[in-house]
Amino acid sequence: MVNRIVVGAHYGLRDWLVQRLTALVMAVYVLLMVVILISNPSLDHAQWQALFANQWMRFASLLFLLSLYLHAWVGVRDIFMDYVKPVGVRLALQFLAVVALAFYAVWSVHILWGI
C-alpha cells in the first residue's frame, strides 16, 4: 500500500483534463492566428488595430491568455510539488506564482480593453 502525504496536492483526472483543455484552446487560437497571417501576409499597424478592435478577437485573445496562465499554473505547481520538498518553501513559491499569474491576467484585460 502506498502511503502518500498530500500537502496542497491535486492528483488525478482534473489536473490532467485542465492541461489538455487549455492546450486545446491554445492550439485553436494559434491556428486562428496562422490563418489570419496567411490570409493577410503584410499586416500593418492599422490592420492589427482593426483586427483587435473586434470584440470576438479580444475575447479569443483573452481566452488564449487565461488558458495559458491556467496551463502554466498546473505545470508550475506540479514542478514545485515534485522538486521542492520543504513545505513552507513550496507554499511560498506557489503563492508567488499565483500572485504573478493573477497580475498577468489583470494586465491582459487592461491591454486588450484599455481599462
N, C-alpha and C. Protein backbone atom coordinates (compact mmCIF):
# COMPACT_ATOMS: atom_id res chain seq x y z
N MET A 1 0.84 -1.18 0.00
CA MET A 1 0.00 0.00 0.00
C MET A 1 0.88 1.24 0.00
N VAL A 2 0.51 2.20 -0.83
CA VAL A 2 1.26 3.45 -0.93
C VAL A 2 0.69 4.43 0.08
N ASN A 3 1.56 4.98 0.91
CA ASN A 3 1.15 5.98 1.88
C ASN A 3 1.68 7.33 1.42
N ARG A 4 0.86 8.07 0.74
CA ARG A 4 1.27 9.35 0.16
C ARG A 4 0.85 10.48 1.10
N ILE A 5 1.80 11.35 1.41
CA ILE A 5 1.50 12.54 2.22
C ILE A 5 1.12 13.65 1.25
N VAL A 6 -0.10 14.11 1.37
CA VAL A 6 -0.62 15.11 0.44
C VAL A 6 -0.69 16.46 1.15
N VAL A 7 0.06 17.41 0.62
CA VAL A 7 0.05 18.78 1.15
C VAL A 7 -0.21 19.71 -0.02
N GLY A 8 -1.45 20.10 -0.18
CA GLY A 8 -1.78 21.02 -1.26
C GLY A 8 -1.75 20.38 -2.63
N ALA A 9 -1.72 19.07 -2.69
CA ALA A 9 -1.61 18.38 -3.98
C ALA A 9 -3.00 18.10 -4.54
N HIS A 10 -3.07 18.06 -5.84
CA HIS A 10 -4.31 17.73 -6.54
C HIS A 10 -3.98 16.69 -7.61
N TYR A 11 -3.83 15.48 -7.20
CA TYR A 11 -3.51 14.43 -8.13
C TYR A 11 -4.78 13.98 -8.84
N GLY A 12 -4.65 13.62 -10.10
CA GLY A 12 -5.79 12.99 -10.72
C GLY A 12 -6.25 13.57 -12.03
N LEU A 13 -7.46 13.18 -12.33
CA LEU A 13 -8.05 13.46 -13.64
C LEU A 13 -8.28 14.94 -13.88
N ARG A 14 -8.64 15.68 -12.85
CA ARG A 14 -8.96 17.11 -13.03
C ARG A 14 -7.77 17.88 -13.60
N ASP A 15 -6.60 17.70 -13.01
CA ASP A 15 -5.41 18.41 -13.49
C ASP A 15 -5.03 17.98 -14.90
N TRP A 16 -5.14 16.70 -15.16
CA TRP A 16 -4.85 16.17 -16.50
C TRP A 16 -5.80 16.80 -17.51
N LEU A 17 -7.08 16.87 -17.16
CA LEU A 17 -8.09 17.43 -18.06
C LEU A 17 -7.87 18.93 -18.27
N VAL A 18 -7.53 19.65 -17.23
CA VAL A 18 -7.27 21.09 -17.36
C VAL A 18 -6.10 21.32 -18.31
N GLN A 19 -5.03 20.55 -18.15
CA GLN A 19 -3.88 20.69 -19.05
C GLN A 19 -4.28 20.45 -20.50
N ARG A 20 -5.07 19.42 -20.74
CA ARG A 20 -5.45 19.08 -22.12
C ARG A 20 -6.41 20.10 -22.71
N LEU A 21 -7.38 20.56 -21.92
CA LEU A 21 -8.35 21.53 -22.44
C LEU A 21 -7.70 22.88 -22.72
N THR A 22 -6.82 23.32 -21.82
CA THR A 22 -6.15 24.60 -22.06
C THR A 22 -5.20 24.48 -23.26
N ALA A 23 -4.56 23.34 -23.42
CA ALA A 23 -3.70 23.14 -24.60
C ALA A 23 -4.53 23.18 -25.88
N LEU A 24 -5.73 22.61 -25.83
CA LEU A 24 -6.61 22.62 -27.00
C LEU A 24 -7.03 24.05 -27.34
N VAL A 25 -7.40 24.83 -26.35
CA VAL A 25 -7.78 26.23 -26.57
C VAL A 25 -6.61 27.00 -27.19
N MET A 26 -5.42 26.79 -26.65
CA MET A 26 -4.25 27.49 -27.18
C MET A 26 -3.93 27.06 -28.61
N ALA A 27 -4.09 25.78 -28.91
CA ALA A 27 -3.83 25.29 -30.27
C ALA A 27 -4.82 25.88 -31.26
N VAL A 28 -6.08 25.96 -30.89
CA VAL A 28 -7.10 26.54 -31.78
C VAL A 28 -6.78 28.02 -32.04
N TYR A 29 -6.37 28.74 -31.00
CA TYR A 29 -6.03 30.16 -31.17
C TYR A 29 -4.82 30.32 -32.10
N VAL A 30 -3.82 29.48 -31.92
CA VAL A 30 -2.64 29.55 -32.78
C VAL A 30 -3.03 29.27 -34.23
N LEU A 31 -3.89 28.29 -34.45
CA LEU A 31 -4.37 28.01 -35.82
C LEU A 31 -5.13 29.21 -36.38
N LEU A 32 -5.95 29.85 -35.55
CA LEU A 32 -6.67 31.05 -35.98
C LEU A 32 -5.68 32.15 -36.40
N MET A 33 -4.65 32.34 -35.60
CA MET A 33 -3.66 33.37 -35.94
C MET A 33 -2.88 33.00 -37.20
N VAL A 34 -2.58 31.73 -37.39
CA VAL A 34 -1.89 31.30 -38.62
C VAL A 34 -2.75 31.59 -39.84
N VAL A 35 -4.05 31.29 -39.74
CA VAL A 35 -4.96 31.57 -40.86
C VAL A 35 -5.02 33.07 -41.13
N ILE A 36 -5.09 33.87 -40.08
CA ILE A 36 -5.13 35.32 -40.26
C ILE A 36 -3.84 35.81 -40.92
N LEU A 37 -2.71 35.31 -40.47
CA LEU A 37 -1.43 35.75 -41.03
C LEU A 37 -1.22 35.27 -42.46
N ILE A 38 -1.70 34.07 -42.78
CA ILE A 38 -1.58 33.57 -44.15
C ILE A 38 -2.50 34.34 -45.09
N SER A 39 -3.70 34.66 -44.62
CA SER A 39 -4.64 35.38 -45.49
C SER A 39 -4.28 36.86 -45.63
N ASN A 40 -3.52 37.41 -44.70
CA ASN A 40 -3.07 38.81 -44.75
C ASN A 40 -1.57 38.85 -44.46
N PRO A 41 -0.74 38.52 -45.45
CA PRO A 41 0.69 38.37 -45.17
C PRO A 41 1.41 39.66 -44.78
N SER A 42 0.88 40.80 -45.14
CA SER A 42 1.60 42.05 -44.82
C SER A 42 0.70 42.97 -43.99
N LEU A 43 0.42 42.54 -42.78
CA LEU A 43 -0.40 43.36 -41.89
C LEU A 43 0.41 44.53 -41.37
N ASP A 44 -0.18 45.72 -41.44
CA ASP A 44 0.48 46.87 -40.85
C ASP A 44 -0.19 47.21 -39.52
N HIS A 45 0.29 48.24 -38.88
CA HIS A 45 -0.21 48.60 -37.55
C HIS A 45 -1.71 48.89 -37.57
N ALA A 46 -2.18 49.60 -38.56
CA ALA A 46 -3.61 49.94 -38.64
C ALA A 46 -4.47 48.68 -38.80
N GLN A 47 -4.00 47.71 -39.57
CA GLN A 47 -4.75 46.47 -39.74
C GLN A 47 -4.77 45.64 -38.46
N TRP A 48 -3.66 45.63 -37.73
CA TRP A 48 -3.64 44.94 -36.43
C TRP A 48 -4.62 45.60 -35.47
N GLN A 49 -4.64 46.93 -35.47
CA GLN A 49 -5.58 47.64 -34.61
C GLN A 49 -7.02 47.32 -34.98
N ALA A 50 -7.29 47.27 -36.29
CA ALA A 50 -8.65 46.95 -36.74
C ALA A 50 -9.02 45.51 -36.36
N LEU A 51 -8.07 44.61 -36.45
CA LEU A 51 -8.33 43.21 -36.06
C LEU A 51 -8.68 43.12 -34.59
N PHE A 52 -7.92 43.79 -33.74
CA PHE A 52 -8.15 43.72 -32.30
C PHE A 52 -9.24 44.68 -31.83
N ALA A 53 -9.80 45.47 -32.73
CA ALA A 53 -10.96 46.28 -32.38
C ALA A 53 -12.22 45.42 -32.31
N ASN A 54 -12.19 44.27 -32.95
CA ASN A 54 -13.32 43.33 -32.91
C ASN A 54 -13.40 42.67 -31.54
N GLN A 55 -14.59 42.67 -30.97
CA GLN A 55 -14.77 42.06 -29.64
C GLN A 55 -14.46 40.56 -29.65
N TRP A 56 -14.79 39.87 -30.74
CA TRP A 56 -14.53 38.43 -30.78
C TRP A 56 -13.03 38.14 -30.73
N MET A 57 -12.22 39.02 -31.34
CA MET A 57 -10.77 38.81 -31.32
C MET A 57 -10.21 39.09 -29.94
N ARG A 58 -10.72 40.12 -29.31
CA ARG A 58 -10.29 40.41 -27.94
C ARG A 58 -10.67 39.25 -27.01
N PHE A 59 -11.89 38.76 -27.16
CA PHE A 59 -12.34 37.64 -26.33
C PHE A 59 -11.50 36.40 -26.60
N ALA A 60 -11.23 36.10 -27.87
CA ALA A 60 -10.41 34.93 -28.21
C ALA A 60 -9.00 35.08 -27.64
N SER A 61 -8.45 36.28 -27.71
CA SER A 61 -7.11 36.51 -27.17
C SER A 61 -7.10 36.38 -25.65
N LEU A 62 -8.13 36.90 -24.99
CA LEU A 62 -8.21 36.76 -23.54
C LEU A 62 -8.39 35.29 -23.15
N LEU A 63 -9.21 34.57 -23.88
CA LEU A 63 -9.39 33.14 -23.61
C LEU A 63 -8.06 32.40 -23.77
N PHE A 64 -7.30 32.74 -24.81
CA PHE A 64 -5.98 32.15 -25.00
C PHE A 64 -5.08 32.46 -23.82
N LEU A 65 -5.02 33.72 -23.42
CA LEU A 65 -4.12 34.11 -22.33
C LEU A 65 -4.52 33.48 -21.01
N LEU A 66 -5.82 33.44 -20.70
CA LEU A 66 -6.26 32.80 -19.47
C LEU A 66 -5.96 31.29 -19.50
N SER A 67 -6.11 30.69 -20.66
CA SER A 67 -5.75 29.27 -20.80
C SER A 67 -4.26 29.08 -20.58
N LEU A 68 -3.46 29.99 -21.13
CA LEU A 68 -2.01 29.93 -20.93
C LEU A 68 -1.66 30.03 -19.46
N TYR A 69 -2.28 30.96 -18.74
CA TYR A 69 -1.97 31.14 -17.32
C TYR A 69 -2.41 29.92 -16.50
N LEU A 70 -3.56 29.37 -16.80
CA LEU A 70 -4.03 28.18 -16.09
C LEU A 70 -3.14 26.98 -16.40
N HIS A 71 -2.76 26.83 -17.64
CA HIS A 71 -1.87 25.76 -18.07
C HIS A 71 -0.52 25.89 -17.34
N ALA A 72 -0.02 27.11 -17.28
CA ALA A 72 1.25 27.36 -16.59
C ALA A 72 1.12 27.06 -15.10
N TRP A 73 0.00 27.43 -14.49
CA TRP A 73 -0.19 27.18 -13.07
C TRP A 73 -0.14 25.69 -12.75
N VAL A 74 -0.85 24.89 -13.51
CA VAL A 74 -0.86 23.45 -13.25
C VAL A 74 0.54 22.89 -13.42
N GLY A 75 1.24 23.29 -14.45
CA GLY A 75 2.59 22.79 -14.68
C GLY A 75 3.58 23.22 -13.61
N VAL A 76 3.56 24.51 -13.25
CA VAL A 76 4.48 25.02 -12.24
C VAL A 76 4.17 24.41 -10.88
N ARG A 77 2.90 24.29 -10.56
CA ARG A 77 2.52 23.68 -9.29
C ARG A 77 3.02 22.24 -9.20
N ASP A 78 2.88 21.50 -10.29
CA ASP A 78 3.37 20.12 -10.30
C ASP A 78 4.89 20.06 -10.13
N ILE A 79 5.59 20.98 -10.77
CA ILE A 79 7.04 21.03 -10.62
C ILE A 79 7.41 21.34 -9.18
N PHE A 80 6.73 22.32 -8.57
CA PHE A 80 7.01 22.65 -7.17
C PHE A 80 6.72 21.45 -6.27
N MET A 81 5.62 20.75 -6.51
CA MET A 81 5.27 19.60 -5.66
C MET A 81 6.28 18.47 -5.82
N ASP A 82 6.83 18.32 -7.01
CA ASP A 82 7.77 17.22 -7.25
C ASP A 82 9.17 17.51 -6.75
N TYR A 83 9.62 18.76 -6.86
CA TYR A 83 11.04 19.06 -6.64
C TYR A 83 11.34 19.94 -5.44
N VAL A 84 10.35 20.62 -4.88
CA VAL A 84 10.60 21.46 -3.71
C VAL A 84 10.02 20.73 -2.50
N LYS A 85 10.90 20.16 -1.70
CA LYS A 85 10.45 19.30 -0.60
C LYS A 85 10.03 20.06 0.66
N PRO A 86 10.71 21.13 1.09
CA PRO A 86 10.24 21.84 2.29
C PRO A 86 8.87 22.48 2.02
N VAL A 87 7.91 22.14 2.87
CA VAL A 87 6.53 22.58 2.64
C VAL A 87 6.40 24.10 2.65
N GLY A 88 7.06 24.76 3.56
CA GLY A 88 6.98 26.23 3.64
C GLY A 88 7.51 26.90 2.39
N VAL A 89 8.63 26.42 1.89
CA VAL A 89 9.21 27.00 0.67
C VAL A 89 8.29 26.73 -0.51
N ARG A 90 7.77 25.51 -0.59
CA ARG A 90 6.88 25.16 -1.69
C ARG A 90 5.63 26.04 -1.69
N LEU A 91 5.02 26.22 -0.51
CA LEU A 91 3.81 27.05 -0.43
C LEU A 91 4.12 28.51 -0.75
N ALA A 92 5.28 29.00 -0.34
CA ALA A 92 5.67 30.38 -0.66
C ALA A 92 5.84 30.54 -2.17
N LEU A 93 6.50 29.58 -2.80
CA LEU A 93 6.69 29.65 -4.25
C LEU A 93 5.35 29.55 -4.99
N GLN A 94 4.47 28.69 -4.50
CA GLN A 94 3.15 28.58 -5.13
C GLN A 94 2.38 29.89 -4.97
N PHE A 95 2.46 30.51 -3.81
CA PHE A 95 1.79 31.78 -3.58
C PHE A 95 2.33 32.84 -4.54
N LEU A 96 3.65 32.92 -4.68
CA LEU A 96 4.25 33.89 -5.60
C LEU A 96 3.83 33.63 -7.05
N ALA A 97 3.74 32.36 -7.42
CA ALA A 97 3.30 32.02 -8.78
C ALA A 97 1.85 32.45 -9.00
N VAL A 98 0.99 32.22 -8.02
CA VAL A 98 -0.42 32.62 -8.14
C VAL A 98 -0.54 34.13 -8.25
N VAL A 99 0.21 34.86 -7.42
CA VAL A 99 0.17 36.32 -7.47
C VAL A 99 0.63 36.82 -8.83
N ALA A 100 1.72 36.26 -9.34
CA ALA A 100 2.24 36.68 -10.64
C ALA A 100 1.23 36.38 -11.75
N LEU A 101 0.64 35.20 -11.75
CA LEU A 101 -0.31 34.84 -12.79
C LEU A 101 -1.59 35.67 -12.69
N ALA A 102 -2.03 35.99 -11.48
CA ALA A 102 -3.20 36.86 -11.32
C ALA A 102 -2.89 38.27 -11.84
N PHE A 103 -1.69 38.75 -11.56
CA PHE A 103 -1.26 40.06 -12.08
C PHE A 103 -1.26 40.05 -13.61
N TYR A 104 -0.74 38.98 -14.19
CA TYR A 104 -0.71 38.87 -15.65
C TYR A 104 -2.13 38.84 -16.23
N ALA A 105 -3.05 38.19 -15.55
CA ALA A 105 -4.44 38.12 -16.03
C ALA A 105 -5.08 39.52 -16.02
N VAL A 106 -4.87 40.25 -14.94
CA VAL A 106 -5.42 41.62 -14.87
C VAL A 106 -4.76 42.50 -15.92
N TRP A 107 -3.47 42.35 -16.08
CA TRP A 107 -2.74 43.13 -17.08
C TRP A 107 -3.23 42.81 -18.48
N SER A 108 -3.55 41.55 -18.74
CA SER A 108 -4.07 41.15 -20.06
C SER A 108 -5.39 41.84 -20.37
N VAL A 109 -6.27 41.89 -19.38
CA VAL A 109 -7.54 42.58 -19.57
C VAL A 109 -7.29 44.06 -19.84
N HIS A 110 -6.37 44.64 -19.10
CA HIS A 110 -6.03 46.05 -19.30
C HIS A 110 -5.50 46.31 -20.71
N ILE A 111 -4.66 45.43 -21.20
CA ILE A 111 -4.09 45.58 -22.54
C ILE A 111 -5.17 45.42 -23.60
N LEU A 112 -5.99 44.42 -23.47
CA LEU A 112 -6.98 44.13 -24.51
C LEU A 112 -8.14 45.11 -24.55
N TRP A 113 -8.55 45.61 -23.38
CA TRP A 113 -9.70 46.51 -23.35
C TRP A 113 -9.32 47.93 -22.96
N GLY A 114 -8.07 48.17 -22.61
CA GLY A 114 -7.62 49.51 -22.30
C GLY A 114 -8.34 50.15 -21.12
N ILE A 115 -8.65 49.34 -20.13
CA ILE A 115 -9.38 49.85 -18.95
C ILE A 115 -8.45 50.70 -18.11
